[in-house]
Protein backbone atom coordinates (compact mmCIF):
# COMPACT_ATOMS: atom_id res chain seq x y z
CA MET A 1 -2.45 10.08 -31.66
CA LYS A 2 1.16 10.14 -30.49
CA ILE A 3 1.46 9.65 -26.71
CA GLY A 4 4.43 10.07 -24.41
CA PHE A 5 4.73 7.78 -21.39
CA ILE A 6 7.18 8.51 -18.56
CA GLY A 7 7.56 6.01 -15.71
CA LEU A 8 7.76 2.32 -16.57
CA GLY A 9 7.64 0.70 -13.16
CA ILE A 10 5.41 -2.09 -11.84
CA MET A 11 2.32 -0.22 -13.00
CA GLY A 12 3.57 1.96 -15.83
CA LYS A 13 5.11 -0.81 -17.89
CA PRO A 14 1.93 -2.87 -18.37
CA MET A 15 -0.15 0.29 -18.76
CA SER A 16 2.09 1.48 -21.59
CA LYS A 17 1.89 -1.92 -23.27
CA ASN A 18 -1.91 -1.73 -23.19
CA LEU A 19 -1.77 1.61 -25.00
CA LEU A 20 0.34 -0.05 -27.68
CA LYS A 21 -2.19 -2.88 -27.95
CA ALA A 22 -4.92 -0.26 -28.42
CA GLY A 23 -3.05 1.09 -31.43
CA TYR A 24 -1.52 4.27 -30.04
CA GLU A 25 1.95 5.38 -31.11
CA LEU A 26 4.07 5.62 -27.97
CA ILE A 27 7.30 7.37 -26.99
CA VAL A 28 8.63 6.22 -23.62
CA CYS A 29 11.18 7.39 -21.09
CA ASP A 30 12.37 5.95 -17.79
CA VAL A 31 15.52 5.95 -15.63
CA THR A 32 15.64 2.15 -15.90
CA LYS A 33 17.02 1.18 -19.30
CA ALA A 34 15.77 -2.43 -19.09
CA ALA A 35 12.19 -1.24 -18.67
CA VAL A 36 12.50 1.07 -21.67
CA ASP A 37 14.05 -1.73 -23.74
CA GLU A 38 11.15 -4.04 -22.92
CA VAL A 39 8.47 -1.55 -23.96
CA VAL A 40 10.43 -0.55 -27.07
CA ALA A 41 10.56 -4.24 -27.98
CA ALA A 42 6.76 -4.23 -27.74
CA GLY A 43 6.54 -1.42 -30.30
CA ALA A 44 7.29 1.91 -28.61
CA ASN A 45 9.97 4.46 -29.45
CA ARG A 46 12.39 5.76 -26.84
CA ALA A 47 13.28 9.26 -25.68
CA ALA A 48 16.28 10.36 -23.63
CA SER A 49 14.48 12.90 -21.42
CA PRO A 50 11.03 14.22 -20.48
CA ARG A 51 11.81 17.29 -22.58
CA GLU A 52 12.39 15.07 -25.61
CA VAL A 53 9.12 13.24 -24.95
CA ALA A 54 7.17 16.52 -24.83
CA ALA A 55 8.76 17.79 -28.02
CA GLN A 56 7.37 14.84 -30.00
CA THR A 57 3.90 14.32 -28.50
CA GLU A 58 0.59 16.04 -27.87
CA VAL A 59 -0.39 13.92 -24.86
CA ILE A 60 2.08 12.96 -22.13
CA ILE A 61 1.33 10.43 -19.39
CA THR A 62 3.41 10.30 -16.21
CA MET A 63 3.34 7.34 -13.81
CA LEU A 64 5.87 8.19 -11.10
CA PRO A 65 6.45 7.36 -7.41
CA ASN A 66 5.49 10.62 -5.68
CA SER A 67 5.13 14.39 -5.76
CA PRO A 68 8.86 15.29 -5.96
CA GLN A 69 9.42 13.05 -8.99
CA VAL A 70 6.39 14.45 -10.82
CA ARG A 71 7.45 18.02 -10.07
CA GLN A 72 10.98 17.30 -11.35
CA VAL A 73 9.86 15.54 -14.53
CA VAL A 74 7.34 18.27 -15.37
CA LEU A 75 8.96 21.47 -14.13
CA GLY A 76 12.64 20.61 -13.58
CA GLU A 77 15.67 20.78 -15.87
CA ASN A 78 14.93 19.00 -19.17
CA GLY A 79 11.36 18.74 -17.94
CA LEU A 80 8.18 18.54 -19.97
CA ILE A 81 7.41 22.23 -19.58
CA GLU A 82 10.52 23.16 -21.58
CA ALA A 83 9.19 21.64 -24.80
CA ALA A 84 5.47 20.91 -24.42
CA LYS A 85 3.36 22.80 -26.96
CA ALA A 86 0.37 24.99 -26.12
CA GLY A 87 -2.72 22.83 -26.32
CA SER A 88 -0.92 19.65 -25.32
CA VAL A 89 -2.08 17.69 -22.26
CA LEU A 90 -0.30 16.14 -19.31
CA ILE A 91 -2.13 13.19 -17.75
CA ASP A 92 -0.44 12.54 -14.43
CA MET A 93 -1.44 9.05 -13.31
CA SER A 94 0.87 9.08 -10.30
CA SER A 95 -0.62 9.10 -6.80
CA ILE A 96 0.53 12.41 -5.32
CA ALA A 97 -0.68 15.17 -3.00
CA PRO A 98 -3.69 17.03 -4.44
CA LEU A 99 -2.12 20.41 -3.70
CA VAL A 100 0.93 19.48 -5.78
CA SER A 101 -1.32 18.52 -8.69
CA ARG A 102 -2.91 21.96 -8.52
CA GLU A 103 0.47 23.72 -8.31
CA ILE A 104 1.82 21.84 -11.35
CA ALA A 105 -1.38 22.47 -13.31
CA ALA A 106 -1.13 26.20 -12.59
CA SER A 107 2.46 26.31 -13.88
CA LEU A 108 1.49 24.43 -17.04
CA ALA A 109 -1.55 26.65 -17.61
CA GLU A 110 0.74 29.68 -17.91
CA LYS A 111 2.08 28.09 -21.12
CA GLY A 112 -1.29 26.94 -22.40
CA ILE A 113 -0.76 23.30 -21.41
CA GLU A 114 -3.72 21.37 -19.98
CA MET A 115 -3.52 18.77 -17.21
CA LEU A 116 -5.57 15.92 -15.79
CA ASP A 117 -4.67 14.20 -12.53
CA ALA A 118 -5.72 10.59 -13.00
CA PRO A 119 -4.39 8.22 -10.32
CA VAL A 120 -5.27 4.54 -10.56
CA SER A 121 -6.35 1.69 -8.33
CA GLY A 122 -6.09 -2.05 -8.89
CA GLY A 123 -2.42 -2.91 -8.54
CA GLU A 124 -0.24 -4.79 -11.00
CA PRO A 125 -2.78 -7.52 -11.96
CA LYS A 126 -5.35 -4.96 -13.13
CA ALA A 127 -2.64 -2.88 -14.81
CA ILE A 128 -1.70 -5.98 -16.81
CA ASP A 129 -5.23 -6.88 -17.90
CA ALA A 130 -6.33 -3.24 -18.42
CA THR A 131 -9.06 -3.32 -15.77
CA LEU A 132 -7.80 -0.51 -13.54
CA SER A 133 -10.07 2.05 -11.90
CA ILE A 134 -9.05 5.60 -12.79
CA MET A 135 -10.13 8.66 -10.80
CA VAL A 136 -9.79 11.87 -12.81
CA GLY A 137 -9.60 15.55 -11.95
CA GLY A 138 -9.61 18.32 -14.55
CA LYS A 139 -11.68 20.08 -17.20
CA LYS A 140 -14.58 18.06 -18.57
CA VAL A 141 -13.77 18.98 -22.18
CA VAL A 142 -10.21 17.67 -21.79
CA TYR A 143 -11.45 14.55 -20.00
CA ASN A 144 -13.98 13.82 -22.76
CA ARG A 145 -11.33 14.14 -25.46
CA LEU A 146 -8.92 11.76 -23.73
CA HIS A 147 -11.42 9.32 -22.27
CA PRO A 148 -10.62 6.69 -24.97
CA VAL A 149 -6.93 6.82 -24.04
CA LEU A 150 -7.74 6.19 -20.38
CA LYS A 151 -10.22 3.41 -21.23
CA ALA A 152 -7.43 1.56 -23.06
CA MET A 153 -5.93 0.97 -19.60
CA ALA A 154 -9.00 0.64 -17.40
CA ALA A 155 -12.40 -0.87 -16.77
CA SER A 156 -13.64 2.20 -14.90
CA VAL A 157 -12.82 5.86 -15.60
CA VAL A 158 -14.68 8.53 -13.60
CA LEU A 159 -14.30 12.32 -13.66
CA VAL A 160 -14.71 13.35 -10.01
CA GLY A 161 -14.09 17.11 -10.19
CA ASP A 162 -11.56 19.80 -11.03
CA ILE A 163 -7.79 19.35 -11.01
CA GLY A 164 -6.66 17.67 -7.78
CA ALA A 165 -9.97 15.86 -7.31
CA GLY A 166 -8.57 12.68 -8.81
CA ASN A 167 -5.90 12.51 -6.14
CA VAL A 168 -8.42 13.29 -3.40
CA ALA A 169 -10.43 10.29 -4.60
CA LYS A 170 -7.24 8.20 -4.62
CA LEU A 171 -6.50 9.20 -1.03
CA ALA A 172 -9.99 8.02 -0.06
CA ASN A 173 -9.36 4.79 -1.96
CA GLN A 174 -6.09 4.16 -0.14
CA ILE A 175 -7.72 4.70 3.25
CA ILE A 176 -10.36 2.09 2.45
CA VAL A 177 -7.85 -0.40 1.03
CA ALA A 178 -5.46 -0.06 3.99
CA LEU A 179 -8.20 -0.45 6.58
CA ASN A 180 -9.72 -3.40 4.71
CA ILE A 181 -6.38 -5.21 4.59
CA ALA A 182 -5.93 -4.59 8.31
CA ALA A 183 -9.44 -5.94 9.00
CA VAL A 184 -8.84 -9.06 6.91
CA SER A 185 -5.54 -9.60 8.73
CA GLU A 186 -7.12 -9.24 12.16
CA ALA A 187 -9.94 -11.63 11.31
CA LEU A 188 -7.78 -14.39 9.84
CA VAL A 189 -5.19 -14.21 12.62
CA LEU A 190 -8.00 -14.43 15.18
CA ALA A 191 -9.30 -17.55 13.44
CA ALA A 192 -5.84 -19.13 13.36
CA LYS A 193 -5.21 -18.41 17.04
CA ALA A 194 -8.61 -19.89 17.92
CA GLY A 195 -7.70 -23.11 16.12
CA VAL A 196 -10.13 -22.64 13.24
CA GLU A 197 -8.83 -23.06 9.67
CA PRO A 198 -8.49 -19.49 8.28
CA GLU A 199 -9.10 -20.64 4.72
CA LEU A 200 -12.47 -22.10 5.70
CA VAL A 201 -13.36 -18.91 7.58
CA TYR A 202 -12.54 -16.95 4.43
CA GLN A 203 -14.78 -19.22 2.33
CA ALA A 204 -17.57 -18.93 4.90
CA ILE A 205 -17.64 -15.14 5.08
CA ARG A 206 -16.78 -14.03 1.53
CA GLY A 207 -20.37 -14.33 0.30
CA GLY A 208 -21.83 -12.24 3.12
CA LEU A 209 -21.61 -8.61 4.17
CA ALA A 210 -17.92 -9.02 5.00
CA GLY A 211 -17.17 -9.93 1.39
CA SER A 212 -15.14 -7.39 -0.57
CA THR A 213 -12.72 -7.02 -3.47
CA VAL A 214 -9.92 -6.61 -0.94
CA LEU A 215 -10.91 -9.79 0.89
CA ASP A 216 -10.93 -11.82 -2.33
CA ALA A 217 -7.71 -10.28 -3.62
CA LYS A 218 -5.63 -10.50 -0.44
CA ALA A 219 -6.90 -13.36 1.75
CA PRO A 220 -5.78 -16.14 -0.65
CA LEU A 221 -2.34 -14.56 -0.99
CA MET A 222 -2.01 -14.24 2.79
CA LEU A 223 -2.97 -17.90 3.18
CA GLU A 224 -0.48 -18.95 0.50
CA ARG A 225 2.26 -16.73 2.01
CA LYS A 226 2.65 -14.88 -1.29
CA PHE A 227 3.88 -11.37 -0.56
CA ASN A 228 5.68 -10.47 -3.79
CA PRO A 229 4.62 -6.93 -4.54
CA GLY A 230 1.49 -6.10 -6.45
CA PHE A 231 1.54 -2.88 -4.44
CA ARG A 232 4.47 -2.36 -2.11
CA ILE A 233 4.19 -1.44 1.56
CA GLY A 234 6.59 1.44 0.90
CA LEU A 235 4.21 2.90 -1.67
CA HIS A 236 1.21 2.54 0.63
CA ILE A 237 3.19 4.38 3.31
CA LYS A 238 3.77 7.13 0.76
CA ASP A 239 0.06 7.32 -0.02
CA LEU A 240 -0.97 7.36 3.64
CA THR A 241 1.60 10.09 4.27
CA ASN A 242 -0.20 12.16 1.63
CA VAL A 243 -3.53 11.20 3.22
CA LEU A 244 -2.51 12.33 6.69
CA GLU A 245 -0.80 15.52 5.50
CA THR A 246 -3.92 16.46 3.55
CA SER A 247 -6.20 15.58 6.46
CA HIS A 248 -4.15 17.74 8.80
CA GLU A 249 -4.35 20.68 6.38
CA LEU A 250 -8.13 20.28 6.22
CA GLY A 251 -8.65 19.59 9.93
CA VAL A 252 -10.05 16.08 9.39
CA PRO A 253 -8.99 13.57 12.11
CA LEU A 254 -8.28 10.08 10.71
CA PRO A 255 -7.50 7.89 13.74
CA LEU A 256 -7.91 4.53 11.99
CA THR A 257 -5.70 5.56 9.08
CA ALA A 258 -3.07 6.78 11.52
CA ALA A 259 -3.12 3.42 13.32
CA VAL A 260 -2.65 1.41 10.12
CA MET A 261 0.13 3.78 9.08
CA GLU A 262 2.05 2.86 12.25
CA MET A 263 1.56 -0.84 11.49
CA LEU A 264 3.03 -0.34 8.03
CA GLN A 265 5.90 1.65 9.50
CA ALA A 266 6.62 -1.26 11.87
CA LEU A 267 6.77 -3.65 8.91
CA LYS A 268 9.09 -1.25 7.10
CA ALA A 269 11.36 -1.28 10.16
CA ASP A 270 11.35 -5.09 9.90
CA GLY A 271 12.65 -4.84 6.34
CA LEU A 272 9.35 -5.43 4.55
CA ALA A 273 8.94 -2.10 2.72
CA GLY A 274 9.30 -3.94 -0.59
CA ALA A 275 6.69 -6.59 0.22
CA ASP A 276 3.07 -6.44 -0.92
CA HIS A 277 0.78 -4.51 1.42
CA GLY A 278 -0.99 -7.81 2.10
CA ALA A 279 2.05 -8.58 4.26
CA LEU A 280 0.28 -6.44 6.86
CA VAL A 281 -0.96 -9.79 8.15
CA GLN A 282 2.57 -10.45 9.40
CA TYR A 283 2.22 -7.54 11.83
CA TYR A 284 -0.72 -9.33 13.46
CA GLU A 285 0.94 -12.73 13.28
CA LYS A 286 3.92 -11.36 15.18
CA LEU A 287 1.72 -9.90 17.92
CA ALA A 288 -0.42 -13.04 18.25
CA LYS A 289 2.52 -15.45 17.88
CA VAL A 290 0.69 -17.46 15.21
CA THR A 291 1.11 -17.96 11.47
CA LEU A 292 -1.71 -18.55 9.01
CA ALA A 293 -1.52 -22.11 7.72
CA PRO A 294 -1.03 -22.39 3.96
CA LEU A 295 -3.87 -23.66 1.83
CA ALA A 296 -4.04 -27.45 1.63
């Protein structure tokens, strides 16, 4: 199977390399030449535009920052829709607004092109080791056919409903992740301010009900002051913007999500939009006038 892959950023680059490792023939495209060069060196072929990708492939994966970029790549000038063949499939693995997924799918359907929305969770480490969680929306028959492609990049792949449902699941995921990071931050800063070693508090609570994947993934990095991006604050702001816009459309109040969004916005104002979302702890440190001690 020949697969097109558009979007070779922090997540897309390792995901595309895992497809190559699984034996798929890959044609890649990205605005960053260095990223394309790296994946081509790993065995892919390059294309100059999304249109050129679509002309050569039957399955096209997009991994892009947000709704406007996906809309442009798929429906814009030199976009996929100009050359994609009837019966081909777009798998959009970007995290975008569910309504936009449905709008793009409707436009593609007019030309006989199928679509799955399949956003991911797990950040760069899980993209590298192919253990992502993928939430999929779309037709079951299309999902079943392309399940092996998705499994080449993930440990968990779940069809959650029709088109757009994947991004609804991702919005729910991002709420839980954001609130968990905020809770971990609050707890460790409280410990530090009380004069109790935060690392020992982490070790004491991780095996109980407070234990979580987020706690184990983020607490050690907070304690080591490692905030290089696995998932940038700016991207989490983008996701929570989609969360809150969708919640407002549906009439679902999300007061905790809104509060964490303002914390992230404060960090962005402090110049930390490019830091990992675990840097949320710095918001609490600033308020409490305390810094978590590094691990001994």
